[in-house]
PDB file of N, CA and C in Angstrom:
ATOM      1  N   MET A   1      -3.475-131.825 102.538  1.00  0.00           N
ATOM      2  CA  MET A   1      -3.567-130.417 102.879  1.00  0.00           C
ATOM      3  C   MET A   1      -4.112-129.633 101.691  1.00  0.00           C
ATOM      4  N   THR A   2      -4.827-128.603 102.019  1.00  0.00           N
ATOM      5  CA  THR A   2      -5.356-127.747 100.957  1.00  0.00           C
ATOM      6  C   THR A   2      -4.285-126.762 100.505  1.00  0.00           C
ATOM      7  N   PRO A   3      -4.329-126.334  99.258  1.00  0.00           N
ATOM      8  CA  PRO A   3      -3.320-125.390  98.775  1.00  0.00           C
ATOM      9  C   PRO A   3      -3.491-124.019  99.420  1.00  0.00           C
ATOM     10  N   LEU A   4      -2.390-123.382  99.702  1.00  0.00           N
ATOM     11  CA  LEU A   4      -2.376-122.066 100.324  1.00  0.00           C
ATOM     12  C   LEU A   4      -1.522-121.127  99.482  1.00  0.00           C
ATOM     13  N   PRO A   5      -1.799-119.820  99.525  1.00  0.00           N
ATOM     14  CA  PRO A   5      -0.950-118.883  98.792  1.00  0.00           C
ATOM     15  C   PRO A   5       0.434-118.793  99.431  1.00  0.00           C
ATOM     16  N   LYS A   6       1.459-118.667  98.577  1.00  0.00           N
ATOM     17  CA  LYS A   6       2.821-118.607  99.101  1.00  0.00           C
ATOM     18  C   LYS A   6       3.121-117.253  99.723  1.00  0.00           C
ATOM     19  N   ARG A   7       2.581-116.209  99.143  1.00  0.00           N
ATOM     20  CA  ARG A   7       2.831-114.863  99.648  1.00  0.00           C
ATOM     21  C   ARG A   7       1.510-114.107  99.798  1.00  0.00           C
ATOM     22  N   ARG A   8       1.543-113.119 100.661  1.00  0.00           N
ATOM     23  CA  ARG A   8       0.373-112.271 100.873  1.00  0.00           C
ATOM     24  C   ARG A   8       0.238-111.295  99.705  1.00  0.00           C
ATOM     25  N   HIS A   9      -1.001-111.108  99.231  1.00  0.00           N
ATOM     26  CA  HIS A   9      -1.239-110.121  98.181  1.00  0.00           C
ATOM     27  C   HIS A   9      -1.305-108.743  98.819  1.00  0.00           C
ATOM     28  N   SER A  10      -0.644-107.778  98.219  1.00  0.00           N
ATOM     29  CA  SER A  10      -0.628-106.426  98.759  1.00  0.00           C
ATOM     30  C   SER A  10      -2.009-105.781  98.614  1.00  0.00           C
ATOM     31  N   THR A  11      -2.228-104.718  99.385  1.00  0.00           N
ATOM     32  CA  THR A  11      -3.514-104.025  99.309  1.00  0.00           C
ATOM     33  C   THR A  11      -3.681-103.348  97.956  1.00  0.00           C
ATOM     34  N   ARG A  12      -2.577-102.923  97.351  1.00  0.00           N
ATOM     35  CA  ARG A  12      -2.655-102.305  96.031  1.00  0.00           C
ATOM     36  C   ARG A  12      -3.120-103.325  94.989  1.00  0.00           C
ATOM     37  N   ARG A  13      -2.603-104.530  95.085  1.00  0.00           N
ATOM     38  CA  ARG A  13      -3.001-105.573  94.137  1.00  0.00           C
ATOM     39  C   ARG A  13      -4.475-105.933  94.327  1.00  0.00           C
ATOM     40  N   GLY A  14      -4.900-106.008  95.576  1.00  0.00           N
ATOM     41  CA  GLY A  14      -6.308-106.295  95.837  1.00  0.00           C
ATOM     42  C   GLY A  14      -7.208-105.158  95.389  1.00  0.00           C
ATOM     43  N   GLY A  15      -6.728-103.926  95.563  1.00  0.00           N
ATOM     44  CA  GLY A  15      -7.506-102.771  95.134  1.00  0.00           C
ATOM     45  C   GLY A  15      -7.666-102.714  93.632  1.00  0.00           C
ATOM     46  N   LYS A  16      -6.617-103.098  92.908  1.00  0.00           N
ATOM     47  CA  LYS A  16      -6.699-103.125  91.445  1.00  0.00           C
ATOM     48  C   LYS A  16      -7.720-104.158  90.986  1.00  0.00           C
ATOM     49  N   ARG A  17      -7.783-105.274  91.675  1.00  0.00           N
ATOM     50  CA  ARG A  17      -8.746-106.310  91.327  1.00  0.00           C
ATOM     51  C   ARG A  17     -10.173-105.825  91.616  1.00  0.00           C
ATOM     52  N   GLU A  18     -10.366-105.184  92.754  1.00  0.00           N
ATOM     53  CA  GLU A  18     -11.698-104.718  93.125  1.00  0.00           C
ATOM     54  C   GLU A  18     -12.157-103.537  92.282  1.00  0.00           C
ATOM     55  N   ALA A  19     -11.200-102.770  91.738  1.00  0.00           N
ATOM     56  CA  ALA A  19     -11.565-101.620  90.913  1.00  0.00           C
ATOM     57  C   ALA A  19     -12.208-102.066  89.609  1.00  0.00           C
ATOM     58  N   ALA A  20     -11.859-103.254  89.137  1.00  0.00           N
ATOM     59  CA  ALA A  20     -12.428-103.754  87.888  1.00  0.00           C
ATOM     60  C   ALA A  20     -13.876-104.187  88.078  1.00  0.00           C
ATOM     61  N   ILE A  21     -14.251-104.512  89.306  1.00  0.00           N
ATOM     62  CA  ILE A  21     -15.615-104.943  89.596  1.00  0.00           C
ATOM     63  C   ILE A  21     -16.392-103.710  90.046  1.00  0.00           C
ATOM     64  N   SER A  22     -17.126-103.110  89.133  1.00  0.00           N
ATOM     65  CA  SER A  22     -17.881-101.918  89.465  1.00  0.00           C
ATOM     66  C   SER A  22     -19.354-102.154  89.175  1.00  0.00           C
ATOM     67  N   VAL A  23     -20.183-101.388  89.823  1.00  0.00           N
ATOM     68  CA  VAL A  23     -21.619-101.498  89.631  1.00  0.00           C
ATOM     69  C   VAL A  23     -21.997-100.655  88.423  1.00  0.00           C
ATOM     70  N   ASN A  24     -22.659-101.266  87.459  1.00  0.00           N
ATOM     71  CA  ASN A  24     -23.103-100.536  86.281  1.00  0.00           C
ATOM     72  C   ASN A  24     -24.474 -99.933  86.556  1.00  0.00           C
ATOM     73  N   ILE A  25     -24.590 -98.639  86.311  1.00  0.00           N
ATOM     74  CA  ILE A  25     -25.863 -97.960  86.487  1.00  0.00           C
ATOM     75  C   ILE A  25     -26.707 -98.220  85.243  1.00  0.00           C
ATOM     76  N   ALA A  26     -27.930 -98.617  85.445  1.00  0.00           N
ATOM     77  CA  ALA A  26     -28.806 -98.943  84.326  1.00  0.00           C
ATOM     78  C   ALA A  26     -29.077 -97.691  83.504  1.00  0.00           C
ATOM     79  N   THR A  27     -28.855 -97.783  82.196  1.00  0.00           N
ATOM     80  CA  THR A  27     -29.109 -96.652  81.316  1.00  0.00           C
ATOM     81  C   THR A  27     -30.598 -96.578  81.003  1.00  0.00           C
ATOM     82  N   ARG A  28     -31.067 -95.388  80.781  1.00  0.00           N
ATOM     83  CA  ARG A  28     -32.475 -95.165  80.467  1.00  0.00           C
ATOM     84  C   ARG A  28     -32.566 -94.528  79.088  1.00  0.00           C
ATOM     85  N   GLN A  29     -33.638 -94.841  78.386  1.00  0.00           N
ATOM     86  CA  GLN A  29     -33.894 -94.253  77.081  1.00  0.00           C
ATOM     87  C   GLN A  29     -35.300 -93.682  77.064  1.00  0.00           C
ATOM     88  N   LYS A  30     -35.507 -92.707  76.183  1.00  0.00           N
ATOM     89  CA  LYS A  30     -36.845 -92.143  76.043  1.00  0.00           C
ATOM     90  C   LYS A  30     -37.694 -93.050  75.177  1.00  0.00           C
ATOM     91  N   CYS A  31     -38.930 -93.221  75.582  1.00  0.00           N
ATOM     92  CA  CYS A  31     -39.883 -93.999  74.798  1.00  0.00           C
ATOM     93  C   CYS A  31     -40.293 -93.163  73.584  1.00  0.00           C
ATOM     94  N   PRO A  32     -40.259 -93.734  72.369  1.00  0.00           N
ATOM     95  CA  PRO A  32     -40.644 -92.941  71.199  1.00  0.00           C
ATOM     96  C   PRO A  32     -42.128 -92.578  71.166  1.00  0.00           C
ATOM     97  N   LYS A  33     -42.968 -93.338  71.850  1.00  0.00           N
ATOM     98  CA  LYS A  33     -44.404 -93.059  71.853  1.00  0.00           C
ATOM     99  C   LYS A  33     -44.790 -91.984  72.865  1.00  0.00           C
ATOM    100  N   CYS A  34     -44.427 -92.216  74.146  1.00  0.00           N
ATOM    101  CA  CYS A  34     -44.906 -91.318  75.201  1.00  0.00           C
ATOM    102  C   CYS A  34     -43.821 -90.394  75.751  1.00  0.00           C
ATOM    103  N   GLY A  35     -42.549 -90.713  75.518  1.00  0.00           N
ATOM    104  CA  GLY A  35     -41.470 -89.842  75.972  1.00  0.00           C
ATOM    105  C   GLY A  35     -40.998 -90.101  77.390  1.00  0.00           C
ATOM    106  N   SER A  36     -41.579 -91.062  78.083  1.00  0.00           N
ATOM    107  CA  SER A  36     -41.122 -91.365  79.440  1.00  0.00           C
ATOM    108  C   SER A  36     -39.865 -92.231  79.376  1.00  0.00           C
ATOM    109  N   LEU A  37     -39.135 -92.289  80.462  1.00  0.00           N
ATOM    110  CA  LEU A  37     -37.898 -93.061  80.497  1.00  0.00           C
ATOM    111  C   LEU A  37     -38.204 -94.540  80.701  1.00  0.00           C
ATOM    112  N   LYS A  38     -37.459 -95.383  79.978  1.00  0.00           N
ATOM    113  CA  LYS A  38     -37.647 -96.830  80.076  1.00  0.00           C
ATOM    114  C   LYS A  38     -36.300 -97.503  79.922  1.00  0.00           C
ATOM    115  N   LEU A  39     -36.224 -98.774  80.309  1.00  0.00           N
ATOM    116  CA  LEU A  39     -35.007 -99.548  80.127  1.00  0.00           C
ATOM    117  C   LEU A  39     -34.894 -99.989  78.675  1.00  0.00           C
ATOM    118  N   PRO A  40     -33.663-100.056  78.127  1.00  0.00           N
ATOM    119  CA  PRO A  40     -33.526-100.478  76.732  1.00  0.00           C
ATOM    120  C   PRO A  40     -33.899-101.943  76.543  1.00  0.00           C
ATOM    121  N   HIS A  41     -34.417-102.276  75.379  1.00  0.00           N
ATOM    122  CA  HIS A  41     -34.827-103.624  74.991  1.00  0.00           C
ATOM    123  C   HIS A  41     -35.953-104.164  75.863  1.00  0.00           C
ATOM    124  N   ARG A  42     -36.775-103.272  76.402  1.00  0.00           N
ATOM    125  CA  ARG A  42     -37.913-103.674  77.217  1.00  0.00           C
ATOM    126  C   ARG A  42     -39.108-102.804  76.868  1.00  0.00           C
ATOM    127  N   ALA A  43     -40.286-103.314  77.136  1.00  0.00           N
ATOM    128  CA  ALA A  43     -41.499-102.546  76.861  1.00  0.00           C
ATOM    129  C   ALA A  43     -41.599-101.384  77.835  1.00  0.00           C
ATOM    130  N   CYS A  44     -42.181-100.298  77.362  1.00  0.00           N
ATOM    131  CA  CYS A  44     -42.361 -99.110  78.196  1.00  0.00           C
ATOM    132  C   CYS A  44     -43.436 -99.403  79.242  1.00  0.00           C
ATOM    133  N   PRO A  45     -43.146 -99.193  80.525  1.00  0.00           N
ATOM    134  CA  PRO A  45     -44.147 -99.509  81.550  1.00  0.00           C
ATOM    135  C   PRO A  45     -45.318 -98.533  81.569  1.00  0.00           C
ATOM    136  N   SER A  46     -45.140 -97.323  81.023  1.00  0.00           N
ATOM    137  CA  SER A  46     -46.226 -96.346  81.090  1.00  0.00           C
ATOM    138  C   SER A  46     -47.206 -96.457  79.927  1.00  0.00           C
ATOM    139  N   CYS A  47     -46.721 -96.818  78.719  1.00  0.00           N
ATOM    140  CA  CYS A  47     -47.652 -96.909  77.583  1.00  0.00           C
ATOM    141  C   CYS A  47     -47.817 -98.334  77.058  1.00  0.00           C
ATOM    142  N   GLY A  48     -46.882 -99.243  77.359  1.00  0.00           N
ATOM    143  CA  GLY A  48     -47.022-100.637  76.959  1.00  0.00           C
ATOM    144  C   GLY A  48     -46.521-100.955  75.568  1.00  0.00           C
ATOM    145  N   TYR A  49     -45.799-100.030  74.926  1.00  0.00           N
ATOM    146  CA  TYR A  49     -45.312-100.263  73.568  1.00  0.00           C
ATOM    147  C   TYR A  49     -43.868-100.749  73.579  1.00  0.00           C
ATOM    148  N   TYR A  50     -43.540-101.606  72.611  1.00  0.00           N
ATOM    149  CA  TYR A  50     -42.172-102.054  72.365  1.00  0.00           C
ATOM    150  C   TYR A  50     -41.998-102.193  70.865  1.00  0.00           C
ATOM    151  N   LYS A  51     -41.073-101.445  70.293  1.00  0.00           N
ATOM    152  CA  LYS A  51     -40.802-101.451  68.845  1.00  0.00           C
ATOM    153  C   LYS A  51     -42.075-101.227  68.035  1.00  0.00           C
ATOM    154  N   GLU A  52     -42.774-100.149  68.343  1.00  0.00           N
ATOM    155  CA  GLU A  52     -43.981 -99.736  67.616  1.00  0.00           C
ATOM    156  C   GLU A  52     -45.134-100.733  67.713  1.00  0.00           C
ATOM    157  N   ASN A  53     -45.059-101.707  68.588  1.00  0.00           N
ATOM    158  CA  ASN A  53     -46.142-102.670  68.796  1.00  0.00           C
ATOM    159  C   ASN A  53     -46.600-102.593  70.245  1.00  0.00           C
ATOM    160  N   GLN A  54     -47.906-102.618  70.457  1.00  0.00           N
ATOM    161  CA  GLN A  54     -48.409-102.610  71.827  1.00  0.00           C
ATOM    162  C   GLN A  54     -48.348-104.026  72.376  1.00  0.00           C
ATOM    163  N   VAL A  55     -47.546-104.193  73.424  1.00  0.00           N
ATOM    164  CA  VAL A  55     -47.314-105.503  74.010  1.00  0.00           C
ATOM    165  C   VAL A  55     -48.341-105.792  75.100  1.00  0.00           C
ATOM    166  N   PHE A  56     -48.645-104.794  75.899  1.00  0.00           N
ATOM    167  CA  PHE A  56     -49.635-104.968  76.961  1.00  0.00           C
ATOM    168  C   PHE A  56     -50.350-103.641  77.181  1.00  0.00           C
ATOM    169  N   ILE A  57     -51.499-103.719  77.823  1.00  0.00           N
ATOM    170  CA  ILE A  57     -52.261-102.519  78.157  1.00  0.00           C
ATOM    171  C   ILE A  57     -51.909-102.156  79.593  1.00  0.00           C
ATOM    172  N   PRO A  58     -51.324-100.970  79.802  1.00  0.00           N
ATOM    173  CA  PRO A  58     -50.927-100.616  81.169  1.00  0.00           C
ATOM    174  C   PRO A  58     -52.144-100.358  82.046  1.00  0.00           C
ATOM    175  N   LYS A  59     -51.981-100.649  83.321  1.00  0.00           N
ATOM    176  CA  LYS A  59     -53.053-100.415  84.284  1.00  0.00           C
ATOM    177  C   LYS A  59     -53.157 -98.917  84.549  1.00  0.00           C
ATOM    178  N   ALA A  60     -54.374 -98.452  84.787  1.00  0.00           N
ATOM    179  CA  ALA A  60     -54.587 -97.042  85.095  1.00  0.00           C
ATOM    180  C   ALA A  60     -54.051 -96.766  86.492  1.00  0.00           C
ATOM    181  N   LYS A  61     -53.348 -95.658  86.625  1.00  0.00           N
ATOM    182  CA  LYS A  61     -52.805 -95.305  87.931  1.00  0.00           C
ATOM    183  C   LYS A  61     -53.926 -94.755  88.800  1.00  0.00           C
ATOM    184  N   THR A  62     -54.038 -95.275  89.997  1.00  0.00           N
ATOM    185  CA  THR A  62     -55.071 -94.821  90.922  1.00  0.00           C
ATOM    186  C   THR A  62     -54.412 -94.074  92.063  1.00  0.00           C
ATOM    187  N   GLN A  63     -55.104 -93.060  92.557  1.00  0.00           N
ATOM    188  CA  GLN A  63     -54.588 -92.310  93.687  1.00  0.00           C
ATOM    189  C   GLN A  63     -54.951 -93.046  94.971  1.00  0.00           C
ATOM    190  N   LYS A  64     -54.035 -93.004  95.912  1.00  0.00           N
ATOM    191  CA  LYS A  64     -54.295 -93.658  97.190  1.00  0.00           C
ATOM    192  C   LYS A  64     -55.329 -92.860  97.969  1.00  0.00           C
ATOM    193  N   GLU A  65     -56.275 -93.579  98.544  1.00  0.00           N
ATOM    194  CA  GLU A  65     -57.300 -92.912  99.334  1.00  0.00           C
ATOM    195  C   GLU A  65     -56.729 -92.562 100.693  1.00  0.00           C
ATOM    196  N   LYS A  66     -57.146 -91.389 101.201  1.00  0.00           N
ATOM    197  CA  LYS A  66     -56.643 -90.938 102.503  1.00  0.00           C
ATOM    198  C   LYS A  66     -57.489 -91.470 103.621  1.00  0.00           C
TER     199      LYS A  66
END
Protein backbone atom coordinates (compact mmCIF):
# COMPACT_ATOMS: atom_id res chain seq x y z
CA MET A 1 0.00 0.00 0.00
CA THR A 2 1.09 3.52 -0.65
CA PRO A 3 1.56 5.86 2.31
CA LEU A 4 -1.36 8.12 3.15
CA PRO A 5 -1.64 11.15 5.44
CA LYS A 6 -2.99 10.33 8.89
CA ARG A 7 -4.95 13.54 9.25
CA ARG A 8 -6.43 16.11 6.91
CA HIS A 9 -4.50 19.38 6.61
CA SER A 10 -6.63 22.38 7.52
CA THR A 11 -7.32 25.12 4.98
CA ARG A 12 -5.34 27.55 7.12
CA ARG A 13 -2.28 25.30 6.97
CA GLY A 14 -2.65 24.93 3.22
CA GLY A 15 -3.12 28.67 2.84
CA LYS A 16 0.07 29.37 4.77
CA ARG A 17 1.96 27.05 2.45
CA GLU A 18 0.50 28.65 -0.67
CA ALA A 19 1.19 32.17 0.63
CA ALA A 20 4.92 31.46 0.53
CA ILE A 21 4.70 30.63 -3.18
CA SER A 22 4.20 34.00 -4.82
CA VAL A 23 4.84 35.29 -8.29
CA ASN A 24 7.79 37.66 -8.42
CA ILE A 25 7.30 40.64 -10.70
CA ALA A 26 10.35 41.22 -12.86
CA THR A 27 12.17 44.38 -11.81
CA ARG A 28 13.19 46.88 -14.45
CA GLN A 29 16.18 49.20 -14.51
CA LYS A 30 17.01 52.22 -16.61
CA CYS A 31 19.63 51.73 -19.29
CA PRO A 32 22.57 54.09 -18.65
CA LYS A 33 23.01 54.73 -22.39
CA CYS A 34 19.49 55.32 -23.73
CA GLY A 35 17.35 55.52 -20.57
CA SER A 36 14.81 52.90 -21.62
CA LEU A 37 13.72 50.18 -19.21
CA LYS A 38 15.52 46.83 -19.37
CA LEU A 39 15.88 43.67 -17.32
CA PRO A 40 18.86 43.58 -14.93
CA HIS A 41 21.97 41.64 -16.01
CA ARG A 42 20.82 41.64 -19.64
CA ALA A 43 21.61 43.71 -22.70
CA CYS A 44 19.29 46.60 -23.46
CA PRO A 45 16.95 45.58 -26.30
CA SER A 46 16.63 49.14 -27.64
CA CYS A 47 20.31 50.17 -27.87
CA GLY A 48 22.18 46.83 -27.61
CA TYR A 49 24.58 47.86 -24.83
CA TYR A 50 25.55 45.83 -21.75
CA LYS A 51 28.06 47.19 -19.21
CA GLU A 52 29.28 49.98 -21.52
CA ASN A 53 29.96 47.48 -24.35
CA GLN A 54 27.84 47.11 -27.46
CA VAL A 55 26.78 43.47 -27.58
CA PHE A 56 24.56 43.57 -30.65
CA ILE A 57 23.21 46.07 -33.16
CA PRO A 58 19.46 46.45 -32.65
CA LYS A 59 17.18 46.14 -35.64
CA ALA A 60 15.52 49.33 -36.87
CA LYS A 61 11.87 49.50 -35.91
CA THR A 62 9.62 49.53 -38.95
CA GLN A 63 6.07 50.76 -39.07
CA LYS A 64 3.44 48.30 -40.16
CA GLU A 65 2.02 49.03 -43.57
CA LYS A 66 -1.72 49.60 -43.73
